[in-house]
Amino acid sequence: MHPNLSVIRKRRDFLAANRGLRVARPGFVLLARPNHGQGKRYGITVTKKIGNAVVRNRMKRRFRELLWAALPDAGLPDHDHILIGREGGIERDFAVLRDELAAALARAAAGKGDRPRGPRQRRSRRA
């Protein structure tokens, strides 16, 4: 692990990053948001929709290695970086994921995120 990186562990920090810049790729979604001088931080989220615990942990290990390699040089200073795993992320080649992360970080550094998501519609429980 790189000494200048720290891990995001609090839920409120993950929720705050969700209001930041969003860059979607086939294997993951990158969220980036300024953290007001707390340095480069990263977090990883993989939901149960992706697979069982073995698959999720494998994906998290791959994402951690990607972030450790990319963030010290290409990461945005004083930003939180969150990677959210997507369905096809576990089957993707590691080199492809590395290239996608580099492109996503470059896009985030340029301030060119994907269009903002609208508010989620709540579904009725009586359906």
N, C-alpha and C. Protein backbone atom coordinates (compact mmCIF):
# COMPACT_ATOMS: atom_id res chain seq x y z
N MET A 1 0.84 -1.19 0.00
CA MET A 1 0.00 0.00 0.00
C MET A 1 0.88 1.24 0.00
N HIS A 2 0.42 2.25 -0.64
CA HIS A 2 1.17 3.50 -0.73
C HIS A 2 0.93 4.32 0.54
N PRO A 3 1.97 4.93 1.10
CA PRO A 3 1.80 5.65 2.37
C PRO A 3 0.94 6.92 2.27
N ASN A 4 0.76 7.48 1.07
CA ASN A 4 -0.04 8.70 0.94
C ASN A 4 -1.52 8.43 0.71
N LEU A 5 -1.92 7.17 0.70
CA LEU A 5 -3.33 6.82 0.49
C LEU A 5 -3.94 6.37 1.80
N SER A 6 -5.18 6.75 2.01
CA SER A 6 -5.90 6.24 3.17
C SER A 6 -7.24 5.67 2.70
N VAL A 7 -7.81 4.83 3.53
CA VAL A 7 -9.02 4.10 3.18
C VAL A 7 -10.24 4.80 3.78
N ILE A 8 -11.28 4.90 2.99
CA ILE A 8 -12.54 5.45 3.47
C ILE A 8 -13.31 4.31 4.14
N ARG A 9 -13.73 4.52 5.37
CA ARG A 9 -14.44 3.47 6.11
C ARG A 9 -15.83 3.89 6.58
N LYS A 10 -16.09 5.18 6.62
CA LYS A 10 -17.37 5.65 7.16
C LYS A 10 -18.42 5.78 6.06
N ARG A 11 -19.62 5.36 6.38
CA ARG A 11 -20.73 5.39 5.42
C ARG A 11 -21.01 6.80 4.92
N ARG A 12 -20.92 7.79 5.80
CA ARG A 12 -21.23 9.16 5.39
C ARG A 12 -20.26 9.65 4.32
N ASP A 13 -19.00 9.17 4.35
CA ASP A 13 -18.04 9.55 3.32
C ASP A 13 -18.39 8.91 1.98
N PHE A 14 -18.89 7.67 2.00
CA PHE A 14 -19.33 7.01 0.77
C PHE A 14 -20.54 7.74 0.20
N LEU A 15 -21.47 8.13 1.06
CA LEU A 15 -22.66 8.84 0.60
C LEU A 15 -22.30 10.22 0.05
N ALA A 16 -21.35 10.89 0.67
CA ALA A 16 -20.92 12.19 0.17
C ALA A 16 -20.27 12.06 -1.20
N ALA A 17 -19.47 11.02 -1.39
CA ALA A 17 -18.82 10.80 -2.69
C ALA A 17 -19.84 10.53 -3.78
N ASN A 18 -20.98 9.98 -3.41
CA ASN A 18 -22.03 9.70 -4.40
C ASN A 18 -22.60 10.98 -4.99
N ARG A 19 -22.42 12.11 -4.32
CA ARG A 19 -22.88 13.39 -4.85
C ARG A 19 -21.82 14.07 -5.71
N GLY A 20 -20.67 13.41 -5.88
CA GLY A 20 -19.57 13.99 -6.64
C GLY A 20 -19.62 13.59 -8.11
N LEU A 21 -18.46 13.65 -8.73
CA LEU A 21 -18.30 13.33 -10.15
C LEU A 21 -18.38 11.82 -10.35
N ARG A 22 -19.08 11.40 -11.41
CA ARG A 22 -19.31 9.99 -11.67
C ARG A 22 -18.82 9.65 -13.06
N VAL A 23 -17.96 8.63 -13.17
CA VAL A 23 -17.45 8.17 -14.46
C VAL A 23 -17.68 6.67 -14.54
N ALA A 24 -18.56 6.24 -15.43
CA ALA A 24 -18.92 4.83 -15.55
C ALA A 24 -18.06 4.16 -16.63
N ARG A 25 -17.65 2.95 -16.34
CA ARG A 25 -16.92 2.09 -17.26
C ARG A 25 -17.56 0.71 -17.21
N PRO A 26 -17.28 -0.17 -18.17
CA PRO A 26 -17.94 -1.49 -18.17
C PRO A 26 -17.68 -2.32 -16.91
N GLY A 27 -16.51 -2.19 -16.29
CA GLY A 27 -16.21 -3.00 -15.12
C GLY A 27 -16.48 -2.35 -13.79
N PHE A 28 -16.63 -1.03 -13.77
CA PHE A 28 -16.79 -0.31 -12.51
C PHE A 28 -17.35 1.08 -12.77
N VAL A 29 -17.72 1.74 -11.68
CA VAL A 29 -18.09 3.16 -11.70
C VAL A 29 -17.12 3.87 -10.75
N LEU A 30 -16.51 4.94 -11.21
CA LEU A 30 -15.61 5.73 -10.37
C LEU A 30 -16.35 6.97 -9.89
N LEU A 31 -16.33 7.20 -8.59
CA LEU A 31 -16.87 8.42 -8.00
C LEU A 31 -15.70 9.22 -7.45
N ALA A 32 -15.69 10.50 -7.70
CA ALA A 32 -14.63 11.37 -7.17
C ALA A 32 -15.26 12.63 -6.60
N ARG A 33 -14.81 13.01 -5.42
CA ARG A 33 -15.35 14.20 -4.77
C ARG A 33 -14.27 14.82 -3.89
N PRO A 34 -14.15 16.15 -3.90
CA PRO A 34 -13.16 16.80 -3.03
C PRO A 34 -13.45 16.51 -1.55
N ASN A 35 -12.37 16.33 -0.78
CA ASN A 35 -12.56 16.00 0.64
C ASN A 35 -11.95 17.04 1.57
N HIS A 36 -11.70 18.24 1.07
CA HIS A 36 -11.28 19.38 1.89
C HIS A 36 -9.99 19.11 2.66
N GLY A 37 -8.94 18.74 1.93
CA GLY A 37 -7.62 18.63 2.52
C GLY A 37 -7.30 17.37 3.27
N GLN A 38 -8.04 16.29 3.07
CA GLN A 38 -7.76 15.04 3.77
C GLN A 38 -6.86 14.11 2.97
N GLY A 39 -6.34 14.57 1.84
CA GLY A 39 -5.43 13.75 1.04
C GLY A 39 -6.18 12.85 0.07
N LYS A 40 -5.43 11.99 -0.57
CA LYS A 40 -6.04 11.02 -1.49
C LYS A 40 -6.57 9.85 -0.69
N ARG A 41 -7.86 9.62 -0.81
CA ARG A 41 -8.49 8.51 -0.10
C ARG A 41 -9.23 7.65 -1.11
N TYR A 42 -9.41 6.38 -0.79
CA TYR A 42 -10.13 5.50 -1.69
C TYR A 42 -11.07 4.59 -0.90
N GLY A 43 -12.10 4.14 -1.60
CA GLY A 43 -13.04 3.19 -1.04
C GLY A 43 -13.52 2.27 -2.15
N ILE A 44 -13.97 1.08 -1.76
CA ILE A 44 -14.42 0.08 -2.72
C ILE A 44 -15.77 -0.45 -2.26
N THR A 45 -16.70 -0.55 -3.20
CA THR A 45 -18.02 -1.10 -2.91
C THR A 45 -18.36 -2.15 -3.95
N VAL A 46 -18.74 -3.33 -3.48
CA VAL A 46 -19.22 -4.39 -4.37
C VAL A 46 -20.46 -4.98 -3.71
N THR A 47 -21.60 -4.87 -4.39
CA THR A 47 -22.86 -5.30 -3.78
C THR A 47 -23.09 -6.80 -3.96
N LYS A 48 -24.08 -7.29 -3.28
CA LYS A 48 -24.41 -8.72 -3.35
C LYS A 48 -24.99 -9.12 -4.70
N LYS A 49 -25.41 -8.14 -5.50
CA LYS A 49 -25.91 -8.45 -6.84
C LYS A 49 -24.80 -9.03 -7.72
N ILE A 50 -23.55 -8.74 -7.39
CA ILE A 50 -22.42 -9.17 -8.21
C ILE A 50 -22.17 -10.67 -8.07
N GLY A 51 -22.30 -11.19 -6.88
CA GLY A 51 -22.06 -12.63 -6.68
C GLY A 51 -21.94 -12.96 -5.21
N ASN A 52 -21.45 -14.16 -4.95
CA ASN A 52 -21.31 -14.58 -3.56
C ASN A 52 -20.07 -13.92 -2.93
N ALA A 53 -19.78 -14.24 -1.69
CA ALA A 53 -18.70 -13.58 -0.96
C ALA A 53 -17.34 -13.81 -1.61
N VAL A 54 -17.13 -14.99 -2.16
CA VAL A 54 -15.85 -15.29 -2.80
C VAL A 54 -15.63 -14.37 -4.01
N VAL A 55 -16.65 -14.21 -4.82
CA VAL A 55 -16.56 -13.36 -6.01
C VAL A 55 -16.38 -11.90 -5.61
N ARG A 56 -17.15 -11.45 -4.62
CA ARG A 56 -17.04 -10.05 -4.18
C ARG A 56 -15.67 -9.74 -3.61
N ASN A 57 -15.14 -10.64 -2.80
CA ASN A 57 -13.82 -10.40 -2.21
C ASN A 57 -12.73 -10.43 -3.27
N ARG A 58 -12.88 -11.30 -4.27
CA ARG A 58 -11.89 -11.33 -5.36
C ARG A 58 -11.91 -10.01 -6.12
N MET A 59 -13.11 -9.49 -6.38
CA MET A 59 -13.23 -8.23 -7.09
C MET A 59 -12.63 -7.09 -6.26
N LYS A 60 -12.86 -7.09 -4.96
CA LYS A 60 -12.31 -6.05 -4.10
C LYS A 60 -10.78 -6.10 -4.08
N ARG A 61 -10.21 -7.31 -4.07
CA ARG A 61 -8.75 -7.42 -4.10
C ARG A 61 -8.19 -6.86 -5.40
N ARG A 62 -8.86 -7.15 -6.52
CA ARG A 62 -8.41 -6.64 -7.82
C ARG A 62 -8.49 -5.11 -7.84
N PHE A 63 -9.60 -4.56 -7.36
CA PHE A 63 -9.77 -3.11 -7.32
C PHE A 63 -8.72 -2.45 -6.42
N ARG A 64 -8.42 -3.08 -5.30
CA ARG A 64 -7.43 -2.52 -4.38
C ARG A 64 -6.07 -2.43 -5.06
N GLU A 65 -5.68 -3.47 -5.77
CA GLU A 65 -4.40 -3.45 -6.49
C GLU A 65 -4.40 -2.37 -7.56
N LEU A 66 -5.51 -2.23 -8.28
CA LEU A 66 -5.61 -1.19 -9.30
C LEU A 66 -5.44 0.19 -8.69
N LEU A 67 -6.12 0.43 -7.60
CA LEU A 67 -6.06 1.75 -6.96
C LEU A 67 -4.68 2.04 -6.38
N TRP A 68 -4.05 1.06 -5.77
CA TRP A 68 -2.72 1.26 -5.21
C TRP A 68 -1.72 1.63 -6.30
N ALA A 69 -1.90 1.06 -7.49
CA ALA A 69 -0.98 1.34 -8.59
C ALA A 69 -1.27 2.69 -9.24
N ALA A 70 -2.55 3.07 -9.35
CA ALA A 70 -2.91 4.25 -10.14
C ALA A 70 -3.02 5.54 -9.33
N LEU A 71 -3.54 5.48 -8.13
CA LEU A 71 -3.84 6.72 -7.40
C LEU A 71 -2.64 7.57 -7.02
N PRO A 72 -1.50 7.02 -6.63
CA PRO A 72 -0.39 7.91 -6.26
C PRO A 72 0.02 8.87 -7.37
N ASP A 73 -0.05 8.41 -8.62
CA ASP A 73 0.35 9.27 -9.73
C ASP A 73 -0.82 9.97 -10.40
N ALA A 74 -1.89 9.23 -10.69
CA ALA A 74 -2.98 9.77 -11.50
C ALA A 74 -4.18 10.23 -10.68
N GLY A 75 -4.20 9.95 -9.38
CA GLY A 75 -5.34 10.33 -8.56
C GLY A 75 -5.45 11.83 -8.37
N LEU A 76 -6.64 12.30 -8.12
CA LEU A 76 -6.87 13.72 -7.90
C LEU A 76 -6.45 14.07 -6.48
N PRO A 77 -5.65 15.12 -6.30
CA PRO A 77 -5.21 15.48 -4.94
C PRO A 77 -6.38 15.97 -4.10
N ASP A 78 -6.37 15.57 -2.82
CA ASP A 78 -7.42 15.95 -1.86
C ASP A 78 -8.81 15.59 -2.36
N HIS A 79 -8.94 14.37 -2.88
CA HIS A 79 -10.23 13.85 -3.34
C HIS A 79 -10.46 12.46 -2.76
N ASP A 80 -11.73 12.13 -2.62
CA ASP A 80 -12.12 10.76 -2.32
C ASP A 80 -12.39 10.06 -3.64
N HIS A 81 -11.89 8.84 -3.79
CA HIS A 81 -12.08 8.03 -4.99
C HIS A 81 -12.79 6.76 -4.55
N ILE A 82 -13.97 6.51 -5.12
CA ILE A 82 -14.75 5.32 -4.80
C ILE A 82 -14.89 4.49 -6.07
N LEU A 83 -14.61 3.19 -5.98
CA LEU A 83 -14.87 2.28 -7.09
C LEU A 83 -16.05 1.40 -6.71
N ILE A 84 -17.05 1.39 -7.56
CA ILE A 84 -18.23 0.55 -7.37
C ILE A 84 -18.17 -0.55 -8.41
N GLY A 85 -18.16 -1.79 -7.97
CA GLY A 85 -18.06 -2.92 -8.89
C GLY A 85 -19.33 -3.10 -9.70
N ARG A 86 -19.14 -3.46 -10.97
CA ARG A 86 -20.26 -3.76 -11.85
C ARG A 86 -20.22 -5.23 -12.24
N GLU A 87 -21.32 -5.68 -12.81
CA GLU A 87 -21.51 -7.09 -13.13
C GLU A 87 -20.35 -7.69 -13.94
N GLY A 88 -19.88 -7.02 -14.96
CA GLY A 88 -18.85 -7.60 -15.82
C GLY A 88 -17.44 -7.41 -15.32
N GLY A 89 -17.25 -6.80 -14.17
CA GLY A 89 -15.92 -6.46 -13.69
C GLY A 89 -15.05 -7.64 -13.32
N ILE A 90 -15.65 -8.72 -12.88
CA ILE A 90 -14.85 -9.85 -12.41
C ILE A 90 -14.27 -10.64 -13.58
N GLU A 91 -14.95 -10.65 -14.73
CA GLU A 91 -14.45 -11.39 -15.89
C GLU A 91 -13.48 -10.58 -16.74
N ARG A 92 -13.41 -9.29 -16.52
CA ARG A 92 -12.55 -8.44 -17.36
C ARG A 92 -11.07 -8.68 -17.05
N ASP A 93 -10.27 -8.57 -18.09
CA ASP A 93 -8.84 -8.73 -17.94
C ASP A 93 -8.28 -7.61 -17.08
N PHE A 94 -7.27 -7.92 -16.27
CA PHE A 94 -6.71 -6.93 -15.35
C PHE A 94 -6.10 -5.74 -16.10
N ALA A 95 -5.45 -6.01 -17.22
CA ALA A 95 -4.84 -4.92 -18.00
C ALA A 95 -5.91 -4.00 -18.57
N VAL A 96 -7.05 -4.57 -18.97
CA VAL A 96 -8.15 -3.76 -19.48
C VAL A 96 -8.71 -2.88 -18.37
N LEU A 97 -8.87 -3.46 -17.18
CA LEU A 97 -9.35 -2.68 -16.04
C LEU A 97 -8.38 -1.55 -15.70
N ARG A 98 -7.08 -1.82 -15.77
CA ARG A 98 -6.08 -0.80 -15.49
C ARG A 98 -6.19 0.36 -16.48
N ASP A 99 -6.36 0.03 -17.77
CA ASP A 99 -6.51 1.06 -18.79
C ASP A 99 -7.80 1.86 -18.59
N GLU A 100 -8.89 1.17 -18.24
CA GLU A 100 -10.16 1.85 -17.99
C GLU A 100 -10.06 2.78 -16.79
N LEU A 101 -9.35 2.35 -15.74
CA LEU A 101 -9.19 3.20 -14.57
C LEU A 101 -8.36 4.44 -14.91
N ALA A 102 -7.30 4.26 -15.69
CA ALA A 102 -6.49 5.41 -16.10
C ALA A 102 -7.33 6.40 -16.90
N ALA A 103 -8.15 5.89 -17.81
CA ALA A 103 -9.01 6.76 -18.62
C ALA A 103 -10.06 7.45 -17.74
N ALA A 104 -10.62 6.72 -16.77
CA ALA A 104 -11.63 7.30 -15.89
C ALA A 104 -11.02 8.38 -15.00
N LEU A 105 -9.80 8.15 -14.50
CA LEU A 105 -9.15 9.17 -13.67
C LEU A 105 -8.79 10.41 -14.49
N ALA A 106 -8.37 10.21 -15.74
CA ALA A 106 -8.08 11.35 -16.60
C ALA A 106 -9.34 12.15 -16.89
N ARG A 107 -10.43 11.44 -17.11
CA ARG A 107 -11.70 12.11 -17.36
C ARG A 107 -12.17 12.88 -16.13
N ALA A 108 -12.00 12.28 -14.96
CA ALA A 108 -12.39 12.96 -13.72
C ALA A 108 -11.50 14.18 -13.46
N ALA A 109 -10.21 14.06 -13.77
CA ALA A 109 -9.31 15.20 -13.58
C ALA A 109 -9.68 16.36 -14.49
N ALA A 110 -10.23 16.04 -15.67
CA ALA A 110 -10.66 17.09 -16.60
C ALA A 110 -12.04 17.63 -16.22
N GLY A 111 -12.69 17.02 -15.22
CA GLY A 111 -14.01 17.47 -14.80
C GLY A 111 -15.13 17.01 -15.70
N LYS A 112 -14.88 15.97 -16.49
CA LYS A 112 -15.87 15.49 -17.45
C LYS A 112 -16.49 14.18 -16.95
N GLY A 113 -17.42 14.29 -16.06
CA GLY A 113 -18.12 13.12 -15.58
C GLY A 113 -19.33 12.81 -16.44
N ASP A 114 -19.96 11.69 -16.17
CA ASP A 114 -21.19 11.34 -16.86
C ASP A 114 -22.31 12.25 -16.37
N ARG A 115 -23.42 12.24 -17.09
CA ARG A 115 -24.51 13.12 -16.69
C ARG A 115 -25.01 12.73 -15.30
N PRO A 116 -25.44 13.70 -14.51
CA PRO A 116 -25.88 13.39 -13.16
C PRO A 116 -27.14 12.53 -13.17
N ARG A 117 -27.22 11.69 -12.19
CA ARG A 117 -28.39 10.83 -12.05
C ARG A 117 -29.51 11.64 -11.41
N GLY A 118 -30.73 11.36 -11.84
CA GLY A 118 -31.87 12.02 -11.24
C GLY A 118 -32.21 11.37 -9.91
N PRO A 119 -33.14 11.95 -9.18
CA PRO A 119 -33.54 11.33 -7.92
C PRO A 119 -34.20 9.99 -8.15
N ARG A 120 -33.94 9.07 -7.26
CA ARG A 120 -34.49 7.72 -7.41
C ARG A 120 -35.97 7.75 -7.08
N GLN A 121 -36.72 7.00 -7.85
CA GLN A 121 -38.17 6.88 -7.62
C GLN A 121 -38.40 5.79 -6.58
N ARG A 122 -39.15 6.13 -5.58
CA ARG A 122 -39.49 5.13 -4.55
C ARG A 122 -40.67 4.33 -5.03
N ARG A 123 -40.54 3.04 -4.93
CA ARG A 123 -41.65 2.18 -5.34
C ARG A 123 -42.55 1.90 -4.15
N SER A 124 -43.80 1.75 -4.45
CA SER A 124 -44.76 1.45 -3.41
C SER A 124 -44.54 0.02 -2.91
N ARG A 125 -44.74 -0.20 -1.64
CA ARG A 125 -44.60 -1.54 -1.10
C ARG A 125 -45.79 -2.41 -1.44
N ARG A 126 -46.87 -1.79 -1.89
CA ARG A 126 -48.10 -2.53 -2.18
C ARG A 126 -48.18 -2.91 -3.65
N ALA A 127 -47.24 -3.61 -4.16
CA ALA A 127 -47.32 -3.97 -5.58
C ALA A 127 -47.39 -5.45 -5.78
